[in-house]
Amino acid sequence: MNFLIIGTDTIDNIFLKEIIEKFPGLKLKGEFDKLNDANEIIKSEKIDFVLLSSNIIEASNYSNSYFEKIEVILITNKSYDAITSYTYGFIDCLLKPISIDRFKKTLSRVRKKITESKLINKNSDKKIVIKTDRKLQKIKLGEIYWLEAMGDYIKIFTKKKEYIVLSTMKSFIKKLPDEFFFRIHKSFIINLNCIEYYTSDHLRINGKLIPISRYKKKDFLKKFYAVNTDQRQY
């Protein structure tokens, strides 16, 4: 796996490299003091993860857009930075001094997330065929946000448009891969990969608030954490 080190000081880098050397297959592609200094290599190289100093978060207007498709491991000496890591959706937060065993666990998370992302991308390109407006229409699974029951019909909300299909929820959900789609309520089926956030009684997808059935909540949480392995509590 290819990675970058950004913002850590010289002494930290020495210790990090000593740990990293014990894990074959990791390739350091660059060390940078500032976020913007890494822009070119991120554009030109395939980077799997970044070791990012918490100092960078504090000293810059950090945005998730910097590493949109790259896993981030936050390096810090402050335990409360675990909250920062969770807020930004980083895959892990490592508290200095970092042990070999702790780093090994983090690498396992990174590898698992990369594998799952490949599976998600593969499934996102798959299509289903629906009958709507007197014609057959192909829809990519990855473009579906949610489905909503409307009497004898279902309304499908996608990234491009909305479709109305004559079908029951029970029948239609059989067409969808159950590892990524879940019936959160009697009137809603959701794409687990599109959830922006959730609370005790609802979740949001693309700005839409969708109720969570209290009978479905336990199963929903299991599914959600299985798909979104980086969205966990520290």
C-alpha atoms as a PDB file:
ATOM      1  CA  MET A   1       0.000   0.000   0.000  1.00  0.00           C
ATOM      2  CA  ASN A   2       1.195   3.517  -0.819  1.00  0.00           C
ATOM      3  CA  PHE A   3       1.056   6.209   1.848  1.00  0.00           C
ATOM      4  CA  LEU A   4       2.092   9.760   2.743  1.00  0.00           C
ATOM      5  CA  ILE A   5       3.259  11.409   5.956  1.00  0.00           C
ATOM      6  CA  ILE A   6       1.988  14.963   6.434  1.00  0.00           C
ATOM      7  CA  GLY A   7       2.722  17.436   9.202  1.00  0.00           C
ATOM      8  CA  THR A   8       4.620  15.268  11.688  1.00  0.00           C
ATOM      9  CA  ASP A   9       7.967  16.526  12.989  1.00  0.00           C
ATOM     10  CA  THR A  10      11.359  14.953  12.308  1.00  0.00           C
ATOM     11  CA  ILE A  11      11.517  12.938  15.539  1.00  0.00           C
ATOM     12  CA  ASP A  12       8.008  11.553  15.011  1.00  0.00           C
ATOM     13  CA  ASN A  13       8.930  10.599  11.457  1.00  0.00           C
ATOM     14  CA  ILE A  14      11.922   8.605  12.673  1.00  0.00           C
ATOM     15  CA  PHE A  15       9.773   6.579  15.073  1.00  0.00           C
ATOM     16  CA  LEU A  16       7.019   6.127  12.479  1.00  0.00           C
ATOM     17  CA  LYS A  17       9.484   4.829   9.909  1.00  0.00           C
ATOM     18  CA  GLU A  18      10.954   2.375  12.420  1.00  0.00           C
ATOM     19  CA  ILE A  19       7.472   0.936  12.965  1.00  0.00           C
ATOM     20  CA  ILE A  20       6.546   0.990   9.277  1.00  0.00           C
ATOM     21  CA  GLU A  21       9.705  -0.913   8.309  1.00  0.00           C
ATOM     22  CA  LYS A  22       8.322  -3.913  10.190  1.00  0.00           C
ATOM     23  CA  PHE A  23       5.396  -4.159   7.750  1.00  0.00           C
ATOM     24  CA  PRO A  24       6.403  -5.300   4.248  1.00  0.00           C
ATOM     25  CA  GLY A  25       4.288  -3.987   1.409  1.00  0.00           C
ATOM     26  CA  LEU A  26       4.071  -0.395   2.651  1.00  0.00           C
ATOM     27  CA  LYS A  27       5.660   2.218   0.418  1.00  0.00           C
ATOM     28  CA  LEU A  28       6.254   5.798   1.553  1.00  0.00           C
ATOM     29  CA  LYS A  29       5.573   8.076  -1.435  1.00  0.00           C
ATOM     30  CA  GLY A  30       6.368  11.378   0.240  1.00  0.00           C
ATOM     31  CA  GLU A  31       6.724  13.494   3.396  1.00  0.00           C
ATOM     32  CA  PHE A  32       5.194  16.967   3.547  1.00  0.00           C
ATOM     33  CA  ASP A  33       4.954  19.783   6.065  1.00  0.00           C
ATOM     34  CA  LYS A  34       1.709  21.219   4.680  1.00  0.00           C
ATOM     35  CA  LEU A  35      -1.470  19.839   3.117  1.00  0.00           C
ATOM     36  CA  ASN A  36      -1.145  21.750  -0.135  1.00  0.00           C
ATOM     37  CA  ASP A  37       2.385  20.448  -0.669  1.00  0.00           C
ATOM     38  CA  ALA A  38       0.933  16.961  -1.189  1.00  0.00           C
ATOM     39  CA  ASN A  39      -1.563  17.967  -3.895  1.00  0.00           C
ATOM     40  CA  GLU A  40       0.566  17.032  -6.890  1.00  0.00           C
ATOM     41  CA  ILE A  41       1.494  13.553  -5.723  1.00  0.00           C
ATOM     42  CA  ILE A  42      -2.116  12.820  -4.734  1.00  0.00           C
ATOM     43  CA  LYS A  43      -3.181  13.697  -8.281  1.00  0.00           C
ATOM     44  CA  SER A  44      -0.422  11.701  -9.979  1.00  0.00           C
ATOM     45  CA  GLU A  45      -0.015   8.656  -7.696  1.00  0.00           C
ATOM     46  CA  LYS A  46      -2.348   6.064  -6.196  1.00  0.00           C
ATOM     47  CA  ILE A  47      -2.280   6.783  -2.454  1.00  0.00           C
ATOM     48  CA  ASP A  48      -4.018   4.348  -0.095  1.00  0.00           C
ATOM     49  CA  PHE A  49      -3.640   6.159   3.221  1.00  0.00           C
ATOM     50  CA  VAL A  50      -2.159   9.223   4.902  1.00  0.00           C
ATOM     51  CA  LEU A  51      -0.515   9.576   8.308  1.00  0.00           C
ATOM     52  CA  LEU A  52      -1.705  13.061   9.253  1.00  0.00           C
ATOM     53  CA  SER A  53      -0.538  15.098  12.229  1.00  0.00           C
ATOM     54  CA  SER A  54      -3.242  16.678  14.377  1.00  0.00           C
ATOM     55  CA  ASN A  55      -1.233  19.922  14.118  1.00  0.00           C
ATOM     56  CA  ILE A  56      -2.323  20.182  10.488  1.00  0.00           C
ATOM     57  CA  ILE A  57      -5.999  20.099  11.494  1.00  0.00           C
ATOM     58  CA  GLU A  58      -5.453  22.849  14.054  1.00  0.00           C
ATOM     59  CA  ALA A  59      -3.348  25.080  11.797  1.00  0.00           C
ATOM     60  CA  SER A  60      -5.410  24.945   8.594  1.00  0.00           C
ATOM     61  CA  ASN A  61      -8.958  25.133   7.295  1.00  0.00           C
ATOM     62  CA  TYR A  62      -9.084  21.379   6.904  1.00  0.00           C
ATOM     63  CA  SER A  63     -11.751  19.855   4.674  1.00  0.00           C
ATOM     64  CA  ASN A  64     -12.540  16.228   3.856  1.00  0.00           C
ATOM     65  CA  SER A  65     -12.126  17.145   0.192  1.00  0.00           C
ATOM     66  CA  TYR A  66      -8.335  16.969   0.657  1.00  0.00           C
ATOM     67  CA  PHE A  67      -8.440  13.175   0.905  1.00  0.00           C
ATOM     68  CA  GLU A  68     -11.793  12.296  -0.622  1.00  0.00           C
ATOM     69  CA  LYS A  69     -10.818   8.747  -1.642  1.00  0.00           C
ATOM     70  CA  ILE A  70      -7.870   8.216   0.705  1.00  0.00           C
ATOM     71  CA  GLU A  71      -8.004   6.778   4.224  1.00  0.00           C
ATOM     72  CA  VAL A  72      -6.621   9.097   6.914  1.00  0.00           C
ATOM     73  CA  ILE A  73      -4.890   8.035  10.136  1.00  0.00           C
ATOM     74  CA  LEU A  74      -4.616  10.899  12.614  1.00  0.00           C
ATOM     75  CA  ILE A  75      -1.386  11.053  14.658  1.00  0.00           C
ATOM     76  CA  THR A  76      -1.644  12.953  17.953  1.00  0.00           C
ATOM     77  CA  ASN A  77      -0.478  13.248  21.543  1.00  0.00           C
ATOM     78  CA  LYS A  78      -3.895  14.437  22.753  1.00  0.00           C
ATOM     79  CA  SER A  79      -6.541  11.835  23.600  1.00  0.00           C
ATOM     80  CA  TYR A  80      -9.433  14.204  22.842  1.00  0.00           C
ATOM     81  CA  ASP A  81      -8.362  14.258  19.179  1.00  0.00           C
ATOM     82  CA  ALA A  82     -10.216  10.956  18.869  1.00  0.00           C
ATOM     83  CA  ILE A  83     -13.350  13.114  18.680  1.00  0.00           C
ATOM     84  CA  THR A  84     -11.796  15.154  15.865  1.00  0.00           C
ATOM     85  CA  SER A  85     -10.928  11.944  14.052  1.00  0.00           C
ATOM     86  CA  TYR A  86     -14.485  10.662  14.385  1.00  0.00           C
ATOM     87  CA  THR A  87     -15.952  13.995  13.258  1.00  0.00           C
ATOM     88  CA  TYR A  88     -13.964  13.961  10.018  1.00  0.00           C
ATOM     89  CA  GLY A  89     -14.584  10.257   9.412  1.00  0.00           C
ATOM     90  CA  PHE A  90     -10.908   9.263   9.636  1.00  0.00           C
ATOM     91  CA  ILE A  91     -10.294   5.545   9.754  1.00  0.00           C
ATOM     92  CA  ASP A  92      -8.311   5.738  13.008  1.00  0.00           C
ATOM     93  CA  CYS A  93      -6.624   7.973  15.566  1.00  0.00           C
ATOM     94  CA  LEU A  94      -3.225   6.898  16.938  1.00  0.00           C
ATOM     95  CA  LEU A  95      -2.063   8.307  20.253  1.00  0.00           C
ATOM     96  CA  LYS A  96       1.697   8.771  20.661  1.00  0.00           C
ATOM     97  CA  PRO A  97       3.787   6.852  21.541  1.00  0.00           C
ATOM     98  CA  ILE A  98       2.502   4.359  18.972  1.00  0.00           C
ATOM     99  CA  SER A  99       3.060   0.662  19.592  1.00  0.00           C
ATOM    100  CA  ILE A 100       3.653  -1.905  16.855  1.00  0.00           C
ATOM    101  CA  ASP A 101       0.544  -3.875  17.872  1.00  0.00           C
ATOM    102  CA  ARG A 102      -1.636  -0.763  17.735  1.00  0.00           C
ATOM    103  CA  PHE A 103      -0.303   0.178  14.302  1.00  0.00           C
ATOM    104  CA  LYS A 104      -0.911  -3.381  13.097  1.00  0.00           C
ATOM    105  CA  LYS A 105      -4.589  -3.117  14.075  1.00  0.00           C
ATOM    106  CA  THR A 106      -4.878   0.169  12.204  1.00  0.00           C
ATOM    107  CA  LEU A 107      -3.358  -1.334   9.059  1.00  0.00           C
ATOM    108  CA  SER A 108      -5.879  -4.170   9.256  1.00  0.00           C
ATOM    109  CA  ARG A 109      -8.677  -1.589   9.306  1.00  0.00           C
ATOM    110  CA  VAL A 110      -7.200   0.175   6.283  1.00  0.00           C
ATOM    111  CA  ARG A 111      -6.856  -3.049   4.290  1.00  0.00           C
ATOM    112  CA  LYS A 112     -10.398  -4.105   5.186  1.00  0.00           C
ATOM    113  CA  LYS A 113     -11.811  -0.716   4.184  1.00  0.00           C
ATOM    114  CA  ILE A 114      -9.991  -0.750   0.838  1.00  0.00           C
ATOM    115  CA  THR A 115     -11.305  -4.249   0.098  1.00  0.00           C
ATOM    116  CA  GLU A 116     -14.854  -3.225   1.032  1.00  0.00           C
ATOM    117  CA  SER A 117     -14.619  -0.062  -1.073  1.00  0.00           C
ATOM    118  CA  LYS A 118     -13.706  -2.141  -4.117  1.00  0.00           C
ATOM    119  CA  LEU A 119     -16.726  -4.363  -3.454  1.00  0.00           C
ATOM    120  CA  ILE A 120     -19.003  -1.336  -3.064  1.00  0.00           C
ATOM    121  CA  ASN A 121     -17.744   0.189  -6.311  1.00  0.00           C
ATOM    122  CA  LYS A 122     -18.284  -3.112  -8.093  1.00  0.00           C
ATOM    123  CA  ASN A 123     -21.872  -3.364  -6.842  1.00  0.00           C
ATOM    124  CA  SER A 124     -22.532   0.321  -7.520  1.00  0.00           C
ATOM    125  CA  ASP A 125     -21.986  -0.273 -11.231  1.00  0.00           C
ATOM    126  CA  LYS A 126     -24.493  -3.130 -11.322  1.00  0.00           C
ATOM    127  CA  LYS A 127     -27.904  -2.296 -12.724  1.00  0.00           C
ATOM    128  CA  ILE A 128     -31.492  -3.335 -12.198  1.00  0.00           C
ATOM    129  CA  VAL A 129     -34.286  -3.058 -14.739  1.00  0.00           C
ATOM    130  CA  ILE A 130     -37.557  -1.378 -13.784  1.00  0.00           C
ATOM    131  CA  LYS A 131     -40.752  -0.727 -15.711  1.00  0.00           C
ATOM    132  CA  THR A 132     -41.768   2.916 -15.557  1.00  0.00           C
ATOM    133  CA  ASP A 133     -43.662   5.267 -17.892  1.00  0.00           C
ATOM    134  CA  ARG A 134     -44.497   2.323 -20.189  1.00  0.00           C
ATOM    135  CA  LYS A 135     -40.851   1.500 -20.805  1.00  0.00           C
ATOM    136  CA  LEU A 136     -38.023  -0.551 -19.337  1.00  0.00           C
ATOM    137  CA  GLN A 137     -35.376   1.524 -17.593  1.00  0.00           C
ATOM    138  CA  LYS A 138     -31.939   0.490 -16.312  1.00  0.00           C
ATOM    139  CA  ILE A 139     -30.760   2.050 -13.031  1.00  0.00           C
ATOM    140  CA  LYS A 140     -27.344   1.719 -11.409  1.00  0.00           C
ATOM    141  CA  LEU A 141     -27.642   0.424  -7.848  1.00  0.00           C
ATOM    142  CA  GLY A 142     -25.086   2.962  -6.664  1.00  0.00           C
ATOM    143  CA  GLU A 143     -27.278   5.829  -7.876  1.00  0.00           C
ATOM    144  CA  ILE A 144     -30.271   4.869  -5.720  1.00  0.00           C
ATOM    145  CA  TYR A 145     -30.679   6.980  -2.562  1.00  0.00           C
ATOM    146  CA  TRP A 146     -33.865   5.463  -1.159  1.00  0.00           C
ATOM    147  CA  LEU A 147     -37.242   3.973  -2.094  1.00  0.00           C
ATOM    148  CA  GLU A 148     -40.570   5.102  -0.675  1.00  0.00           C
ATOM    149  CA  ALA A 149     -43.893   3.241  -0.614  1.00  0.00           C
ATOM    150  CA  MET A 150     -46.860   4.987  -2.265  1.00  0.00           C
ATOM    151  CA  GLY A 151     -49.852   2.664  -1.960  1.00  0.00           C
ATOM    152  CA  ASP A 152     -49.560   0.097  -4.769  1.00  0.00           C
ATOM    153  CA  TYR A 153     -46.515   1.911  -6.141  1.00  0.00           C
ATOM    154  CA  ILE A 154     -42.918   2.618  -5.136  1.00  0.00           C
ATOM    155  CA  LYS A 155     -41.082   5.869  -5.756  1.00  0.00           C
ATOM    156  CA  ILE A 156     -37.360   5.427  -6.394  1.00  0.00           C
ATOM    157  CA  PHE A 157     -35.144   8.407  -5.586  1.00  0.00           C
ATOM    158  CA  THR A 158     -31.821   8.406  -7.454  1.00  0.00           C
ATOM    159  CA  LYS A 159     -28.959  10.828  -8.047  1.00  0.00           C
ATOM    160  CA  LYS A 160     -30.359  11.695 -11.485  1.00  0.00           C
ATOM    161  CA  LYS A 161     -34.158  11.581 -11.206  1.00  0.00           C
ATOM    162  CA  GLU A 162     -37.164   9.928  -9.571  1.00  0.00           C
ATOM    163  CA  TYR A 163     -39.052   6.898 -10.884  1.00  0.00           C
ATOM    164  CA  ILE A 164     -42.470   5.473 -10.023  1.00  0.00           C
ATOM    165  CA  VAL A 165     -42.877   1.696 -10.262  1.00  0.00           C
ATOM    166  CA  LEU A 166     -45.881  -0.579  -9.763  1.00  0.00           C
ATOM    167  CA  SER A 167     -44.604  -2.906  -7.028  1.00  0.00           C
ATOM    168  CA  THR A 168     -44.752  -3.736  -3.339  1.00  0.00           C
ATOM    169  CA  MET A 169     -41.802  -3.031  -1.044  1.00  0.00           C
ATOM    170  CA  LYS A 170     -41.589  -6.725  -0.137  1.00  0.00           C
ATOM    171  CA  SER A 171     -41.287  -7.724  -3.773  1.00  0.00           C
ATOM    172  CA  PHE A 172     -38.902  -4.974  -4.857  1.00  0.00           C
ATOM    173  CA  ILE A 173     -36.362  -5.402  -2.058  1.00  0.00           C
ATOM    174  CA  LYS A 174     -35.625  -8.895  -3.400  1.00  0.00           C
ATOM    175  CA  LYS A 175     -34.020  -7.222  -6.425  1.00  0.00           C
ATOM    176  CA  LEU A 176     -31.557  -5.304  -4.248  1.00  0.00           C
ATOM    177  CA  PRO A 177     -28.317  -6.621  -2.648  1.00  0.00           C
ATOM    178  CA  ASP A 178     -29.108  -6.896   1.065  1.00  0.00           C
ATOM    179  CA  GLU A 179     -25.563  -5.999   2.114  1.00  0.00           C
ATOM    180  CA  PHE A 180     -26.151  -2.409   0.943  1.00  0.00           C
ATOM    181  CA  PHE A 181     -29.930  -1.903   1.043  1.00  0.00           C
ATOM    182  CA  PHE A 182     -32.093  -2.079   4.145  1.00  0.00           C
ATOM    183  CA  ARG A 183     -35.797  -1.661   4.891  1.00  0.00           C
ATOM    184  CA  ILE A 184     -35.528   0.878   7.690  1.00  0.00           C
ATOM    185  CA  HIS A 185     -39.286   1.436   7.975  1.00  0.00           C
ATOM    186  CA  LYS A 186     -42.414  -0.116   6.470  1.00  0.00           C
ATOM    187  CA  SER A 187     -42.461   2.758   3.962  1.00  0.00           C
ATOM    188  CA  PHE A 188     -38.731   3.174   3.252  1.00  0.00           C
ATOM    189  CA  ILE A 189     -35.826   1.167   1.839  1.00  0.00           C
ATOM    190  CA  ILE A 190     -32.463   2.937   2.054  1.00  0.00           C
ATOM    191  CA  ASN A 191     -29.016   2.680   0.495  1.00  0.00           C
ATOM    192  CA  LEU A 192     -26.697   2.273   3.499  1.00  0.00           C
ATOM    193  CA  ASN A 193     -23.823   3.898   1.606  1.00  0.00           C
ATOM    194  CA  CYS A 194     -25.736   7.176   1.221  1.00  0.00           C
ATOM    195  CA  ILE A 195     -26.492   7.937   4.879  1.00  0.00           C
ATOM    196  CA  GLU A 196     -25.267  11.378   5.960  1.00  0.00           C
ATOM    197  CA  TYR A 197     -26.061  10.874   9.647  1.00  0.00           C
ATOM    198  CA  TYR A 198     -28.541   9.166  11.935  1.00  0.00           C
ATOM    199  CA  THR A 199     -30.124   9.821  15.351  1.00  0.00           C
ATOM    200  CA  SER A 200     -32.215   7.678  17.677  1.00  0.00           C
ATOM    201  CA  ASP A 201     -35.333   7.999  15.515  1.00  0.00           C
ATOM    202  CA  HIS A 202     -34.345   9.172  12.023  1.00  0.00           C
ATOM    203  CA  LEU A 203     -31.545   9.396   9.470  1.00  0.00           C
ATOM    204  CA  ARG A 204     -30.749  11.738   6.609  1.00  0.00           C
ATOM    205  CA  ILE A 205     -29.959  10.946   2.981  1.00  0.00           C
ATOM    206  CA  ASN A 206     -29.412  13.732   0.450  1.00  0.00           C
ATOM    207  CA  GLY A 207     -31.185  16.183   2.766  1.00  0.00           C
ATOM    208  CA  LYS A 208     -34.226  13.929   3.312  1.00  0.00           C
ATOM    209  CA  LEU A 209     -35.132  12.915   6.878  1.00  0.00           C
ATOM    210  CA  ILE A 210     -36.246   9.281   6.967  1.00  0.00           C
ATOM    211  CA  PRO A 211     -37.811   7.677  10.068  1.00  0.00           C
ATOM    212  CA  ILE A 212     -36.168   4.673  11.738  1.00  0.00           C
ATOM    213  CA  SER A 213     -38.637   2.057  12.932  1.00  0.00           C
ATOM    214  CA  ARG A 214     -37.936   1.128  16.546  1.00  0.00           C
ATOM    215  CA  TYR A 215     -38.367  -2.507  15.535  1.00  0.00           C
ATOM    216  CA  LYS A 216     -35.653  -2.131  12.886  1.00  0.00           C
ATOM    217  CA  LYS A 217     -33.112  -0.073  14.830  1.00  0.00           C
ATOM    218  CA  LYS A 218     -30.995  -2.946  16.189  1.00  0.00           C
ATOM    219  CA  ASP A 219     -30.667  -4.639  12.794  1.00  0.00           C
ATOM    220  CA  PHE A 220     -30.035  -1.270  11.144  1.00  0.00           C
ATOM    221  CA  LEU A 221     -27.077  -0.501  13.426  1.00  0.00           C
ATOM    222  CA  LYS A 222     -25.506  -3.886  12.684  1.00  0.00           C
ATOM    223  CA  LYS A 223     -25.840  -3.281   8.955  1.00  0.00           C
ATOM    224  CA  PHE A 224     -24.664   0.315   9.139  1.00  0.00           C
ATOM    225  CA  TYR A 225     -21.464  -0.478  11.039  1.00  0.00           C
ATOM    226  CA  ALA A 226     -20.767  -3.470   8.797  1.00  0.00           C
ATOM    227  CA  VAL A 227     -20.845  -1.233   5.713  1.00  0.00           C
ATOM    228  CA  ASN A 228     -19.325   1.915   7.236  1.00  0.00           C
ATOM    229  CA  THR A 229     -16.375   0.470   9.139  1.00  0.00           C
ATOM    230  CA  ASP A 230     -14.801   3.896   9.573  1.00  0.00           C
ATOM    231  CA  GLN A 231     -17.882   5.273  11.350  1.00  0.00           C
ATOM    232  CA  ARG A 232     -17.251   3.779  14.776  1.00  0.00           C
ATOM    233  CA  GLN A 233     -16.884   5.024  18.305  1.00  0.00           C
ATOM    234  CA  TYR A 234     -13.433   5.364  19.862  1.00  0.00           C
END
